[in-house]
């Protein structure tokens, strides 16, 4: 399997606040998550389609009106991963996924985006138990 995720740092994993199910004649799919990388967005989709291996056609929008461009897609069984560029600009509050398999783009799900800065990096995993503390016997 080819690696479609561009180089960069994983900054956030966004989970939908509601069940992001979308039903159409072309494909039934659920948006599972959006990964915010320093260089792109990765949309993780579960596809349940009567049409076989239909790939959902989606667009990503934010409250700034940023144009996110589709870069690549890969399917593994019922899972479809789609990559969009650029990454979210600092100060982005929300991302919305819309399906474009109909005449007009239809709402699927929105994600709240926590405050991020250009310098955000992954936090190191804290030591457990914290240094100097003992577990009870």
Protein backbone atom coordinates (compact mmCIF):
# COMPACT_ATOMS: atom_id res chain seq x y z
CA UNK A 1 0.00 0.00 0.00
CA UNK A 2 1.32 3.44 -0.84
CA UNK A 3 1.72 6.14 1.78
CA UNK A 4 -0.41 9.13 0.77
CA UNK A 5 0.17 11.25 3.87
CA UNK A 6 2.68 14.03 3.15
CA UNK A 7 5.55 14.64 5.52
CA UNK A 8 4.75 16.82 8.50
CA UNK A 9 3.66 16.73 12.11
CA UNK A 10 0.29 15.46 13.33
CA UNK A 11 -1.14 18.46 15.20
CA UNK A 12 -4.70 17.39 16.11
CA UNK A 13 -7.14 14.50 15.69
CA UNK A 14 -10.69 15.83 15.32
CA UNK A 15 -13.63 13.56 16.10
CA UNK A 16 -17.18 14.39 15.00
CA UNK A 17 -19.49 15.67 17.75
CA UNK A 18 -22.37 13.82 16.06
CA UNK A 19 -22.67 10.72 13.89
CA UNK A 20 -21.48 12.02 10.49
CA UNK A 21 -23.57 9.61 8.39
CA UNK A 22 -24.40 10.58 4.81
CA UNK A 23 -26.74 8.54 2.59
CA UNK A 24 -26.89 9.01 -1.19
CA UNK A 25 -27.50 6.90 -4.28
CA UNK A 26 -23.78 6.97 -5.04
CA UNK A 27 -22.41 6.02 -1.61
CA UNK A 28 -23.40 5.68 2.03
CA UNK A 29 -20.55 6.88 4.21
CA UNK A 30 -19.61 8.05 7.69
CA UNK A 31 -16.88 10.58 8.38
CA UNK A 32 -14.90 9.07 11.26
CA UNK A 33 -12.24 11.72 11.86
CA UNK A 34 -10.13 14.52 10.46
CA UNK A 35 -6.40 14.57 11.14
CA UNK A 36 -4.82 18.02 11.12
CA UNK A 37 -1.23 17.70 9.93
CA UNK A 38 1.21 20.59 9.66
CA UNK A 39 1.08 20.19 5.85
CA UNK A 40 -2.43 18.88 5.10
CA UNK A 41 -5.79 17.51 6.30
CA UNK A 42 -6.56 13.77 6.24
CA UNK A 43 -10.25 12.78 6.22
CA UNK A 44 -10.94 9.22 7.40
CA UNK A 45 -14.20 7.78 6.00
CA UNK A 46 -16.07 4.48 6.45
CA UNK A 47 -17.93 3.57 3.23
CA UNK A 48 -20.99 1.32 3.12
CA UNK A 49 -22.06 1.41 -0.46
CA UNK A 50 -24.49 -0.56 -2.54
CA UNK A 51 -22.56 0.69 -5.57
CA UNK A 52 -19.47 -1.34 -4.63
CA UNK A 53 -16.29 0.66 -4.19
CA UNK A 54 -17.77 4.13 -4.65
CA UNK A 55 -15.46 6.83 -3.29
CA UNK A 56 -17.34 9.66 -1.56
CA UNK A 57 -16.93 13.04 -3.21
CA UNK A 58 -16.45 15.62 -0.48
CA UNK A 59 -15.21 19.16 0.06
CA UNK A 60 -13.71 20.64 3.21
CA UNK A 61 -14.51 24.21 4.28
CA UNK A 62 -13.62 26.37 7.27
CA UNK A 63 -15.10 29.56 8.68
CA UNK A 64 -12.36 31.63 6.92
CA UNK A 65 -13.38 30.38 3.47
CA UNK A 66 -10.03 28.62 2.92
CA UNK A 67 -9.91 26.65 -0.34
CA UNK A 68 -8.84 23.10 0.60
CA UNK A 69 -7.74 21.22 -2.51
CA UNK A 70 -8.17 17.47 -2.90
CA UNK A 71 -4.73 15.87 -3.34
CA UNK A 72 -5.11 12.08 -3.14
CA UNK A 73 -7.25 9.19 -1.96
CA UNK A 74 -6.74 5.55 -1.03
CA UNK A 75 -9.28 2.84 -0.17
CA UNK A 76 -8.67 -0.20 2.02
CA UNK A 77 -11.78 -2.37 2.17
CA UNK A 78 -14.55 -0.22 3.60
CA UNK A 79 -12.14 2.55 4.68
CA UNK A 80 -11.37 5.54 2.47
CA UNK A 81 -8.75 8.17 3.29
CA UNK A 82 -8.70 11.51 1.47
CA UNK A 83 -5.95 14.13 1.69
CA UNK A 84 -6.56 17.88 1.26
CA UNK A 85 -4.14 20.82 1.26
CA UNK A 86 -3.27 23.19 2.87
CA UNK A 87 -3.48 22.58 6.60
CA UNK A 88 -5.75 24.77 8.73
CA UNK A 89 -4.52 28.33 9.25
CA UNK A 90 -4.00 29.55 12.84
CA UNK A 91 -7.23 30.77 14.41
CA UNK A 92 -9.49 28.35 12.52
CA UNK A 93 -12.54 27.60 14.68
CA UNK A 94 -14.39 24.99 12.62
CA UNK A 95 -14.17 22.62 9.66
CA UNK A 96 -17.22 21.46 7.71
CA UNK A 97 -17.39 18.44 5.41
CA UNK A 98 -19.90 18.58 2.55
CA UNK A 99 -20.83 15.88 0.05
CA UNK A 100 -20.66 16.94 -3.60
CA UNK A 101 -22.20 13.86 -5.20
CA UNK A 102 -25.47 15.73 -5.79
CA UNK A 103 -26.18 18.89 -7.81
CA UNK A 104 -25.41 21.05 -4.76
CA UNK A 105 -23.01 20.37 -1.90
CA UNK A 106 -24.88 18.92 1.09
CA UNK A 107 -23.85 19.20 4.73
CA UNK A 108 -22.40 16.05 6.31
CA UNK A 109 -20.67 17.05 9.57
CA UNK A 110 -18.79 19.90 11.28
CA UNK A 111 -15.79 19.74 13.59
CA UNK A 112 -14.68 22.22 16.25
CA UNK A 113 -10.98 23.04 15.88
CA UNK A 114 -9.06 23.66 19.12
CA UNK A 115 -6.77 26.70 19.17
CA UNK A 116 -3.50 25.89 17.39
CA UNK A 117 -0.42 27.87 16.54
CA UNK A 118 2.15 27.38 13.79
CA UNK A 119 4.62 26.07 16.35
CA UNK A 120 2.34 23.41 17.89
CA UNK A 121 4.14 20.11 18.25
CA UNK A 122 3.07 16.82 19.77
CA UNK A 123 3.31 16.81 23.54
CA UNK A 124 5.64 14.16 25.02
CA UNK A 125 3.84 11.39 26.88
CA UNK A 126 4.24 12.00 30.64
CA UNK A 127 6.02 9.38 32.71
CA UNK A 128 3.68 7.17 34.73
CA UNK A 129 3.69 7.01 37.63
CA UNK A 130 5.08 10.53 37.97
CA UNK A 131 8.64 10.63 39.28
CA UNK A 132 8.77 10.36 43.06
CA UNK A 133 5.32 8.86 43.50
CA UNK A 134 4.83 5.23 44.43
CA UNK A 135 1.97 2.96 43.58
CA UNK A 136 -0.04 1.70 46.56
CA UNK A 137 0.88 -1.81 47.67
